């Protein structure tokens, strides 16, 4: 009861619904709150353990990935996820890609994610090097687990995660 009272006072006020986001591709629900996350976790754990019900009004926003967009991404770009051990290597590799592979290479940094992960996008039709040489590097880097193909990750992300952490 104390945990419920705490979360209703701190994070999930009774006078408004709980806002929940469901990420379909991860089969995960996310609820943002302040001042009570460990209490909310205890309420969930105690409810499951003791078979208790705690009912509240909630708004659920369901998010999913458009499969056609993944196909388009795959047809237009070599895209992959790369984890850097050291922050200093990130820009160096990006500049090398721009200089040697494609001046149109783009790199994105995931928000709110641990580690030094980056998403690389290399346009297939604007390579500076032989496309077969790059494809050979790409396939071997995937096979040797140096990179994760972004389209493959988007199709089935759970195979790349253990305990909610992206495999390194």
N, C-alpha and C. Protein backbone atom coordinates (compact mmCIF):
# COMPACT_ATOMS: atom_id res chain seq x y z
N UNK A 1 0.81 -1.20 0.00
CA UNK A 1 0.00 0.00 0.00
C UNK A 1 0.86 1.26 0.00
N UNK A 2 1.96 1.22 0.75
CA UNK A 2 2.82 2.40 0.83
C UNK A 2 3.42 2.72 -0.55
N UNK A 3 3.79 1.69 -1.29
CA UNK A 3 4.36 1.93 -2.62
C UNK A 3 3.32 2.52 -3.56
N UNK A 4 2.09 2.04 -3.49
CA UNK A 4 1.02 2.59 -4.33
C UNK A 4 0.77 4.05 -3.96
N UNK A 5 0.71 4.34 -2.68
CA UNK A 5 0.50 5.72 -2.25
C UNK A 5 1.63 6.62 -2.74
N UNK A 6 2.84 6.09 -2.68
CA UNK A 6 3.99 6.89 -3.11
C UNK A 6 3.92 7.20 -4.61
N UNK A 7 3.65 6.19 -5.43
CA UNK A 7 3.63 6.45 -6.87
C UNK A 7 2.45 7.33 -7.27
N UNK A 8 1.36 7.25 -6.55
CA UNK A 8 0.21 8.10 -6.86
C UNK A 8 0.47 9.55 -6.45
N UNK A 9 1.38 9.75 -5.52
CA UNK A 9 1.72 11.10 -5.08
C UNK A 9 2.88 11.67 -5.91
N UNK A 10 3.81 10.82 -6.30
CA UNK A 10 5.04 11.28 -6.96
C UNK A 10 5.02 11.17 -8.49
N UNK A 11 4.65 10.02 -9.02
CA UNK A 11 4.81 9.81 -10.45
C UNK A 11 3.55 9.63 -11.25
N UNK A 12 2.57 8.95 -10.69
CA UNK A 12 1.33 8.63 -11.42
C UNK A 12 0.13 9.17 -10.65
N UNK A 13 -0.07 10.46 -10.77
CA UNK A 13 -1.16 11.11 -10.04
C UNK A 13 -2.51 10.51 -10.43
N UNK A 14 -3.41 10.38 -9.45
CA UNK A 14 -4.73 9.76 -9.67
C UNK A 14 -5.62 10.60 -10.57
N UNK A 15 -5.37 11.89 -10.67
CA UNK A 15 -6.27 12.76 -11.43
C UNK A 15 -6.01 12.76 -12.94
N UNK A 16 -5.08 11.93 -13.39
CA UNK A 16 -4.86 11.82 -14.84
C UNK A 16 -4.42 10.39 -15.18
N UNK A 17 -4.68 9.99 -16.43
CA UNK A 17 -4.30 8.62 -16.82
C UNK A 17 -2.78 8.46 -16.90
N UNK A 18 -2.35 7.23 -16.77
CA UNK A 18 -0.94 6.90 -16.94
C UNK A 18 -0.67 6.84 -18.45
N UNK A 19 0.40 7.50 -18.89
CA UNK A 19 0.77 7.50 -20.31
C UNK A 19 1.76 6.37 -20.55
N UNK A 20 1.39 5.45 -21.43
CA UNK A 20 2.19 4.27 -21.71
C UNK A 20 2.52 4.23 -23.19
N UNK A 21 3.75 3.87 -23.52
CA UNK A 21 4.14 3.66 -24.91
C UNK A 21 4.48 2.18 -25.07
N UNK A 22 3.89 1.57 -26.10
CA UNK A 22 4.17 0.16 -26.40
C UNK A 22 5.01 0.11 -27.67
N UNK A 23 6.22 -0.46 -27.56
CA UNK A 23 7.11 -0.63 -28.69
C UNK A 23 6.92 -2.06 -29.21
N UNK A 24 6.14 -2.19 -30.28
CA UNK A 24 5.76 -3.51 -30.79
C UNK A 24 6.97 -4.36 -31.17
N UNK A 25 7.96 -3.76 -31.83
CA UNK A 25 9.11 -4.53 -32.30
C UNK A 25 9.94 -5.09 -31.16
N UNK A 26 9.85 -4.52 -29.98
CA UNK A 26 10.56 -5.05 -28.82
C UNK A 26 9.64 -5.76 -27.84
N UNK A 27 8.33 -5.69 -28.11
CA UNK A 27 7.33 -6.23 -27.20
C UNK A 27 7.55 -5.69 -25.79
N UNK A 28 7.72 -4.35 -25.72
CA UNK A 28 8.01 -3.69 -24.45
C UNK A 28 7.06 -2.51 -24.22
N UNK A 29 6.66 -2.36 -22.98
CA UNK A 29 5.88 -1.20 -22.56
C UNK A 29 6.81 -0.26 -21.82
N UNK A 30 6.63 1.04 -22.03
CA UNK A 30 7.47 2.04 -21.37
C UNK A 30 6.57 3.09 -20.72
N UNK A 31 6.85 3.36 -19.47
CA UNK A 31 6.12 4.39 -18.74
C UNK A 31 7.15 5.33 -18.14
N UNK A 32 7.03 6.59 -18.45
CA UNK A 32 7.95 7.58 -17.90
C UNK A 32 7.32 8.22 -16.67
N UNK A 33 8.10 8.34 -15.64
CA UNK A 33 7.63 9.04 -14.44
C UNK A 33 8.82 9.62 -13.71
N UNK A 34 8.55 10.47 -12.78
CA UNK A 34 9.63 11.03 -11.98
C UNK A 34 9.30 10.81 -10.50
N UNK A 35 10.31 10.50 -9.75
CA UNK A 35 10.14 10.42 -8.31
C UNK A 35 9.53 9.14 -7.79
N UNK A 36 9.45 8.09 -8.61
CA UNK A 36 8.82 6.90 -8.07
C UNK A 36 9.05 5.64 -8.85
N UNK A 37 10.06 5.62 -9.72
CA UNK A 37 10.23 4.46 -10.60
C UNK A 37 10.51 3.18 -9.82
N UNK A 38 11.34 3.24 -8.77
CA UNK A 38 11.61 2.02 -8.01
C UNK A 38 10.36 1.58 -7.23
N UNK A 39 9.54 2.53 -6.82
CA UNK A 39 8.28 2.18 -6.15
C UNK A 39 7.31 1.54 -7.14
N UNK A 40 7.27 2.07 -8.37
CA UNK A 40 6.41 1.48 -9.41
C UNK A 40 6.86 0.06 -9.72
N UNK A 41 8.17 -0.16 -9.78
CA UNK A 41 8.69 -1.50 -10.03
C UNK A 41 8.28 -2.44 -8.89
N UNK A 42 8.32 -1.95 -7.67
CA UNK A 42 7.89 -2.77 -6.53
C UNK A 42 6.40 -3.09 -6.60
N UNK A 43 5.58 -2.12 -7.01
CA UNK A 43 4.14 -2.37 -7.15
C UNK A 43 3.91 -3.49 -8.17
N UNK A 44 4.60 -3.42 -9.30
CA UNK A 44 4.46 -4.46 -10.33
C UNK A 44 4.90 -5.81 -9.76
N UNK A 45 6.07 -5.84 -9.13
CA UNK A 45 6.59 -7.10 -8.59
C UNK A 45 5.66 -7.66 -7.51
N UNK A 46 5.20 -6.80 -6.60
CA UNK A 46 4.31 -7.27 -5.53
C UNK A 46 2.97 -7.74 -6.10
N UNK A 47 2.47 -7.06 -7.12
CA UNK A 47 1.20 -7.45 -7.74
C UNK A 47 1.29 -8.83 -8.37
N UNK A 48 2.41 -9.09 -9.04
CA UNK A 48 2.60 -10.41 -9.66
C UNK A 48 2.79 -11.46 -8.59
N UNK A 49 3.65 -11.17 -7.63
CA UNK A 49 3.95 -12.13 -6.57
C UNK A 49 2.71 -12.50 -5.77
N UNK A 50 1.92 -11.50 -5.38
CA UNK A 50 0.78 -11.72 -4.50
C UNK A 50 -0.55 -11.82 -5.25
N UNK A 51 -0.48 -11.81 -6.59
CA UNK A 51 -1.68 -11.89 -7.44
C UNK A 51 -2.69 -10.79 -7.07
N UNK A 52 -2.18 -9.58 -6.91
CA UNK A 52 -3.02 -8.43 -6.58
C UNK A 52 -3.33 -7.64 -7.85
N UNK A 53 -4.45 -6.97 -7.85
CA UNK A 53 -4.80 -6.10 -8.97
C UNK A 53 -4.64 -4.65 -8.56
N UNK A 54 -4.10 -3.88 -9.48
CA UNK A 54 -4.02 -2.43 -9.31
C UNK A 54 -4.49 -1.84 -10.63
N UNK A 55 -5.67 -1.29 -10.65
CA UNK A 55 -6.26 -0.79 -11.89
C UNK A 55 -6.20 0.72 -11.93
N UNK A 56 -5.84 1.21 -13.12
CA UNK A 56 -5.77 2.65 -13.37
C UNK A 56 -6.17 2.93 -14.80
N UNK A 57 -6.64 4.14 -15.02
CA UNK A 57 -6.89 4.56 -16.39
C UNK A 57 -5.54 4.81 -17.06
N UNK A 58 -5.43 4.39 -18.32
CA UNK A 58 -4.16 4.57 -19.03
C UNK A 58 -4.42 4.88 -20.49
N UNK A 59 -3.54 5.68 -21.05
CA UNK A 59 -3.51 5.92 -22.50
C UNK A 59 -2.31 5.17 -23.04
N UNK A 60 -2.55 4.28 -24.00
CA UNK A 60 -1.46 3.50 -24.57
C UNK A 60 -1.24 3.94 -26.01
N UNK A 61 -0.02 4.36 -26.29
CA UNK A 61 0.39 4.69 -27.65
C UNK A 61 1.18 3.51 -28.18
N UNK A 62 0.71 2.91 -29.27
CA UNK A 62 1.39 1.75 -29.85
C UNK A 62 2.24 2.20 -31.03
N UNK A 63 3.51 1.83 -31.00
CA UNK A 63 4.43 2.17 -32.07
C UNK A 63 4.94 0.90 -32.74
N UNK A 64 5.04 0.94 -34.06
CA UNK A 64 5.58 -0.20 -34.79
C UNK A 64 6.41 0.32 -35.96
N UNK A 65 7.16 -0.58 -36.55
CA UNK A 65 8.03 -0.23 -37.67
C UNK A 65 7.36 -0.65 -38.97
N UNK A 66 7.34 0.24 -39.93
CA UNK A 66 6.74 -0.02 -41.23
C UNK A 66 7.68 -0.91 -42.05
N UNK A 67 7.22 -2.10 -42.40
CA UNK A 67 8.04 -3.09 -43.13
C UNK A 67 8.47 -2.57 -44.50
N UNK A 68 7.60 -1.79 -45.16
CA UNK A 68 7.96 -1.24 -46.48
C UNK A 68 9.12 -0.26 -46.36
N UNK A 69 9.17 0.46 -45.27
CA UNK A 69 10.28 1.40 -45.05
C UNK A 69 11.60 0.65 -44.87
N UNK A 70 11.55 -0.50 -44.22
CA UNK A 70 12.76 -1.31 -44.05
C UNK A 70 13.24 -1.80 -45.42
N UNK A 71 12.32 -2.23 -46.27
CA UNK A 71 12.69 -2.68 -47.62
C UNK A 71 13.33 -1.54 -48.41
N UNK A 72 12.75 -0.35 -48.31
CA UNK A 72 13.30 0.82 -49.02
C UNK A 72 14.69 1.15 -48.49
N UNK A 73 14.84 1.14 -47.18
CA UNK A 73 16.15 1.38 -46.56
C UNK A 73 17.17 0.39 -47.10
N UNK A 74 16.80 -0.88 -47.14
CA UNK A 74 17.70 -1.94 -47.57
C UNK A 74 18.05 -1.82 -49.06
N UNK A 75 17.12 -1.34 -49.86
CA UNK A 75 17.42 -1.22 -51.30
C UNK A 75 18.27 0.01 -51.61
N UNK A 76 18.20 1.04 -50.79
CA UNK A 76 18.92 2.29 -51.07
C UNK A 76 20.24 2.46 -50.31
N UNK A 77 20.38 1.79 -49.17
CA UNK A 77 21.54 2.04 -48.30
C UNK A 77 22.16 0.75 -47.78
N UNK A 78 23.46 0.82 -47.56
CA UNK A 78 24.12 -0.12 -46.67
C UNK A 78 23.98 0.54 -45.30
N UNK A 79 23.26 -0.09 -44.40
CA UNK A 79 23.06 0.53 -43.08
C UNK A 79 23.39 -0.49 -42.01
N UNK A 80 24.00 0.01 -40.95
CA UNK A 80 24.44 -0.90 -39.90
C UNK A 80 24.62 -0.17 -38.58
N UNK A 81 24.68 -0.98 -37.53
CA UNK A 81 24.92 -0.48 -36.17
C UNK A 81 26.34 -0.88 -35.80
N UNK A 82 27.04 0.07 -35.22
CA UNK A 82 28.42 -0.18 -34.83
C UNK A 82 28.59 0.31 -33.39
N UNK A 83 29.27 -0.50 -32.58
CA UNK A 83 29.55 -0.12 -31.20
C UNK A 83 31.03 0.22 -31.09
N UNK A 84 31.32 1.40 -30.61
CA UNK A 84 32.70 1.84 -30.45
C UNK A 84 33.12 1.64 -29.00
N UNK A 85 34.30 1.06 -28.83
CA UNK A 85 34.83 0.90 -27.47
C UNK A 85 35.26 2.26 -26.91
N UNK A 86 35.77 3.11 -27.79
CA UNK A 86 36.30 4.40 -27.34
C UNK A 86 35.63 5.54 -28.10
N UNK A 87 35.23 6.55 -27.39
CA UNK A 87 34.55 7.71 -27.96
C UNK A 87 35.39 8.36 -29.07
N UNK A 88 36.71 8.39 -28.90
CA UNK A 88 37.58 9.07 -29.86
C UNK A 88 37.60 8.40 -31.23
N UNK A 89 37.27 7.13 -31.31
CA UNK A 89 37.30 6.42 -32.59
C UNK A 89 36.10 6.73 -33.47
N UNK A 90 35.05 7.28 -32.90
CA UNK A 90 33.80 7.48 -33.64
C UNK A 90 34.00 8.44 -34.81
N UNK A 91 34.48 9.64 -34.54
CA UNK A 91 34.66 10.63 -35.62
C UNK A 91 35.72 10.18 -36.61
N UNK A 92 36.77 9.53 -36.12
CA UNK A 92 37.83 9.06 -37.01
C UNK A 92 37.27 8.10 -38.05
N UNK A 93 36.48 7.13 -37.62
CA UNK A 93 35.91 6.18 -38.57
C UNK A 93 34.92 6.86 -39.50
N UNK A 94 34.13 7.77 -38.97
CA UNK A 94 33.17 8.48 -39.82
C UNK A 94 33.90 9.25 -40.92
N UNK A 95 34.98 9.95 -40.58
CA UNK A 95 35.74 10.69 -41.59
C UNK A 95 36.36 9.75 -42.61
N UNK A 96 36.84 8.59 -42.16
CA UNK A 96 37.39 7.60 -43.10
C UNK A 96 36.32 7.12 -44.08
N UNK A 97 35.13 6.86 -43.57
CA UNK A 97 34.03 6.44 -44.45
C UNK A 97 33.72 7.54 -45.46
N UNK A 98 33.64 8.77 -45.01
CA UNK A 98 33.35 9.88 -45.94
C UNK A 98 34.45 10.01 -46.99
N UNK A 99 35.69 9.84 -46.57
CA UNK A 99 36.83 10.01 -47.47
C UNK A 99 37.01 8.84 -48.44
N UNK A 100 36.84 7.61 -47.95
CA UNK A 100 37.17 6.43 -48.74
C UNK A 100 35.98 5.70 -49.34
N UNK A 101 34.83 5.74 -48.68
CA UNK A 101 33.68 4.92 -49.10
C UNK A 101 32.63 5.76 -49.82
N UNK A 102 32.13 6.78 -49.17
CA UNK A 102 31.12 7.65 -49.78
C UNK A 102 31.07 8.97 -49.03
N UNK A 103 31.18 10.07 -49.77
CA UNK A 103 31.11 11.38 -49.11
C UNK A 103 29.70 11.65 -48.59
N UNK A 104 28.74 10.81 -48.96
CA UNK A 104 27.35 10.97 -48.52
C UNK A 104 27.00 10.06 -47.35
N UNK A 105 28.01 9.51 -46.68
CA UNK A 105 27.79 8.68 -45.50
C UNK A 105 27.16 9.53 -44.39
N UNK A 106 26.16 8.98 -43.74
CA UNK A 106 25.55 9.65 -42.59
C UNK A 106 25.69 8.77 -41.36
N UNK A 107 25.76 9.40 -40.21
CA UNK A 107 25.89 8.68 -38.95
C UNK A 107 24.92 9.29 -37.94
N UNK A 108 24.17 8.45 -37.25
CA UNK A 108 23.24 8.91 -36.22
C UNK A 108 23.62 8.31 -34.88
N UNK A 109 23.41 9.09 -33.84
CA UNK A 109 23.63 8.62 -32.48
C UNK A 109 22.28 8.37 -31.82
N UNK A 110 22.02 7.14 -31.38
CA UNK A 110 20.74 6.88 -30.70
C UNK A 110 20.63 7.71 -29.42
N UNK A 111 19.46 8.28 -29.20
CA UNK A 111 19.21 9.02 -27.96
C UNK A 111 18.86 8.05 -26.84
N UNK A 112 19.23 8.41 -25.64
CA UNK A 112 18.85 7.66 -24.43
C UNK A 112 19.27 6.20 -24.50
N UNK A 113 20.48 5.94 -24.97
CA UNK A 113 20.96 4.57 -25.04
C UNK A 113 22.36 4.53 -24.48
N UNK A 114 22.64 3.50 -23.73
CA UNK A 114 23.97 3.37 -23.14
C UNK A 114 24.97 2.98 -24.23
N UNK A 115 26.22 3.19 -23.98
CA UNK A 115 27.25 2.76 -24.91
C UNK A 115 27.50 3.76 -26.02
N UNK A 116 28.45 3.42 -26.85
CA UNK A 116 28.86 4.28 -27.97
C UNK A 116 28.35 3.73 -29.29
N UNK A 117 27.08 3.45 -29.38
CA UNK A 117 26.50 2.91 -30.60
C UNK A 117 26.24 4.03 -31.60
N UNK A 118 26.46 3.72 -32.88
CA UNK A 118 26.14 4.65 -33.96
C UNK A 118 25.48 3.87 -35.09
N UNK A 119 24.59 4.55 -35.79
CA UNK A 119 23.94 3.98 -36.96
C UNK A 119 24.58 4.64 -38.18
N UNK A 120 25.09 3.81 -39.09
CA UNK A 120 25.73 4.31 -40.31
C UNK A 120 24.82 4.05 -41.49
N UNK A 121 24.78 5.02 -42.41
CA UNK A 121 24.00 4.91 -43.64
C UNK A 121 24.91 5.29 -44.80
N UNK A 122 25.14 4.33 -45.70
CA UNK A 122 25.99 4.55 -46.86
C UNK A 122 25.13 4.32 -48.10
N UNK A 123 24.91 5.36 -48.92
CA UNK A 123 24.07 5.19 -50.11
C UNK A 123 24.69 4.20 -51.09
N UNK A 124 23.92 3.23 -51.51
CA UNK A 124 24.42 2.19 -52.42
C UNK A 124 24.81 2.76 -53.78
N UNK A 125 24.15 3.81 -54.21
CA UNK A 125 24.43 4.35 -55.55
C UNK A 125 25.47 5.47 -55.55
N UNK A 126 26.11 5.72 -54.41
CA UNK A 126 27.10 6.80 -54.36
C UNK A 126 28.39 6.35 -53.67
N UNK A 127 28.82 5.14 -53.98
CA UNK A 127 30.06 4.62 -53.41
C UNK A 127 31.26 5.15 -54.19
N UNK A 128 32.34 5.43 -53.49
CA UNK A 128 33.59 5.82 -54.13
C UNK A 128 34.41 4.58 -54.50
N UNK A 129 34.11 3.46 -53.85
CA UNK A 129 34.87 2.23 -54.09
C UNK A 129 33.98 1.24 -54.83
N UNK A 130 34.58 0.16 -55.28
CA UNK A 130 33.86 -0.89 -55.98
C UNK A 130 32.76 -1.45 -55.07
N UNK A 131 31.54 -1.53 -55.59
CA UNK A 131 30.41 -1.96 -54.75
C UNK A 131 30.57 -3.40 -54.27
N UNK A 132 31.23 -4.25 -55.06
CA UNK A 132 31.43 -5.64 -54.63
C UNK A 132 32.45 -5.72 -53.50
N UNK A 133 33.45 -4.86 -53.54
CA UNK A 133 34.43 -4.81 -52.45
C UNK A 133 33.76 -4.35 -51.15
N UNK A 134 32.91 -3.32 -51.27
CA UNK A 134 32.23 -2.86 -50.07
C UNK A 134 31.26 -3.91 -49.56
N UNK A 135 30.51 -4.55 -50.46
CA UNK A 135 29.57 -5.59 -50.04
C UNK A 135 30.31 -6.74 -49.35
N UNK A 136 31.48 -7.09 -49.85
CA UNK A 136 32.30 -8.14 -49.24
C UNK A 136 32.66 -7.74 -47.80
N UNK A 137 33.11 -6.48 -47.62
CA UNK A 137 33.44 -6.00 -46.28
C UNK A 137 32.20 -6.05 -45.38
N UNK A 138 31.08 -5.57 -45.90
CA UNK A 138 29.83 -5.50 -45.14
C UNK A 138 29.39 -6.88 -44.67
N UNK A 139 29.36 -7.83 -45.58
CA UNK A 139 28.92 -9.20 -45.23
C UNK A 139 29.86 -9.85 -44.22
N UNK A 140 31.17 -9.68 -44.41
CA UNK A 140 32.14 -10.25 -43.47
C UNK A 140 32.07 -9.59 -42.10
N UNK A 141 31.85 -8.28 -42.07
CA UNK A 141 31.73 -7.58 -40.79
C UNK A 141 30.50 -8.07 -40.02
N UNK A 142 29.42 -8.36 -40.74
CA UNK A 142 28.22 -8.92 -40.09
C UNK A 142 28.51 -10.33 -39.59
N UNK A 143 29.10 -11.15 -40.46
CA UNK A 143 29.40 -12.54 -40.11
C UNK A 143 30.32 -12.62 -38.89
N UNK A 144 31.28 -11.71 -38.81
CA UNK A 144 32.23 -11.70 -37.69
C UNK A 144 31.75 -10.88 -36.50
N UNK A 145 30.48 -10.45 -36.56
CA UNK A 145 29.84 -9.72 -35.46
C UNK A 145 30.55 -8.41 -35.11
N UNK A 146 31.10 -7.76 -36.11
CA UNK A 146 31.70 -6.44 -35.93
C UNK A 146 30.65 -5.35 -36.07
N UNK A 147 29.63 -5.63 -36.90
CA UNK A 147 28.51 -4.71 -37.10
C UNK A 147 27.22 -5.52 -37.10
N UNK A 148 26.11 -4.82 -36.94
CA UNK A 148 24.78 -5.43 -37.06
C UNK A 148 24.08 -4.74 -38.22
N UNK A 149 23.60 -5.52 -39.18
CA UNK A 149 22.86 -4.95 -40.30
C UNK A 149 21.59 -4.30 -39.76
N UNK A 150 21.41 -3.02 -40.02
CA UNK A 150 20.25 -2.30 -39.48
C UNK A 150 18.92 -2.89 -39.95
N UNK A 151 18.76 -3.24 -41.24
CA UNK A 151 17.48 -3.84 -41.65
C UNK A 151 17.17 -5.14 -40.90
N UNK A 152 18.20 -5.95 -40.69
CA UNK A 152 18.01 -7.20 -39.95
C UNK A 152 17.62 -6.91 -38.50
N UNK A 153 18.26 -5.91 -37.91
CA UNK A 153 17.92 -5.52 -36.54
C UNK A 153 16.47 -5.03 -36.46
N UNK A 154 16.06 -4.21 -37.41
CA UNK A 154 14.70 -3.67 -37.39
C UNK A 154 13.65 -4.75 -37.60
N UNK A 155 13.99 -5.79 -38.37
CA UNK A 155 13.06 -6.90 -38.59
C UNK A 155 12.86 -7.74 -37.34
N UNK A 156 13.94 -7.93 -36.57
CA UNK A 156 13.86 -8.81 -35.40
C UNK A 156 14.87 -8.37 -34.33
N UNK A 157 14.61 -7.27 -33.64
CA UNK A 157 15.60 -6.74 -32.70
C UNK A 157 15.85 -7.63 -31.48
N UNK A 158 14.88 -8.42 -31.09
CA UNK A 158 15.06 -9.21 -29.87
C UNK A 158 16.19 -10.22 -29.98
N UNK A 159 16.51 -10.66 -31.20
CA UNK A 159 17.61 -11.62 -31.34
C UNK A 159 18.97 -10.99 -31.01
N UNK A 160 19.04 -9.67 -30.99
CA UNK A 160 20.30 -8.98 -30.72
C UNK A 160 20.41 -8.48 -29.29
N UNK A 161 19.40 -8.72 -28.49
CA UNK A 161 19.38 -8.21 -27.12
C UNK A 161 19.41 -9.35 -26.12
N UNK A 162 20.10 -9.11 -25.03
CA UNK A 162 20.03 -10.02 -23.88
C UNK A 162 19.78 -9.15 -22.67
N UNK A 163 18.74 -9.41 -21.96
CA UNK A 163 18.44 -8.62 -20.77
C UNK A 163 18.25 -7.14 -21.06
N UNK A 164 17.76 -6.81 -22.27
CA UNK A 164 17.53 -5.42 -22.63
C UNK A 164 18.76 -4.68 -23.09
N UNK A 165 19.90 -5.37 -23.19
CA UNK A 165 21.14 -4.71 -23.59
C UNK A 165 21.56 -5.23 -24.96
N UNK A 166 21.87 -4.32 -25.87
CA UNK A 166 22.31 -4.71 -27.20
C UNK A 166 23.62 -5.47 -27.10
N UNK A 167 23.68 -6.62 -27.76
CA UNK A 167 24.88 -7.45 -27.73
C UNK A 167 26.04 -6.67 -28.31
N UNK A 168 27.20 -6.79 -27.66
CA UNK A 168 28.38 -6.05 -28.11
C UNK A 168 29.35 -6.95 -28.83
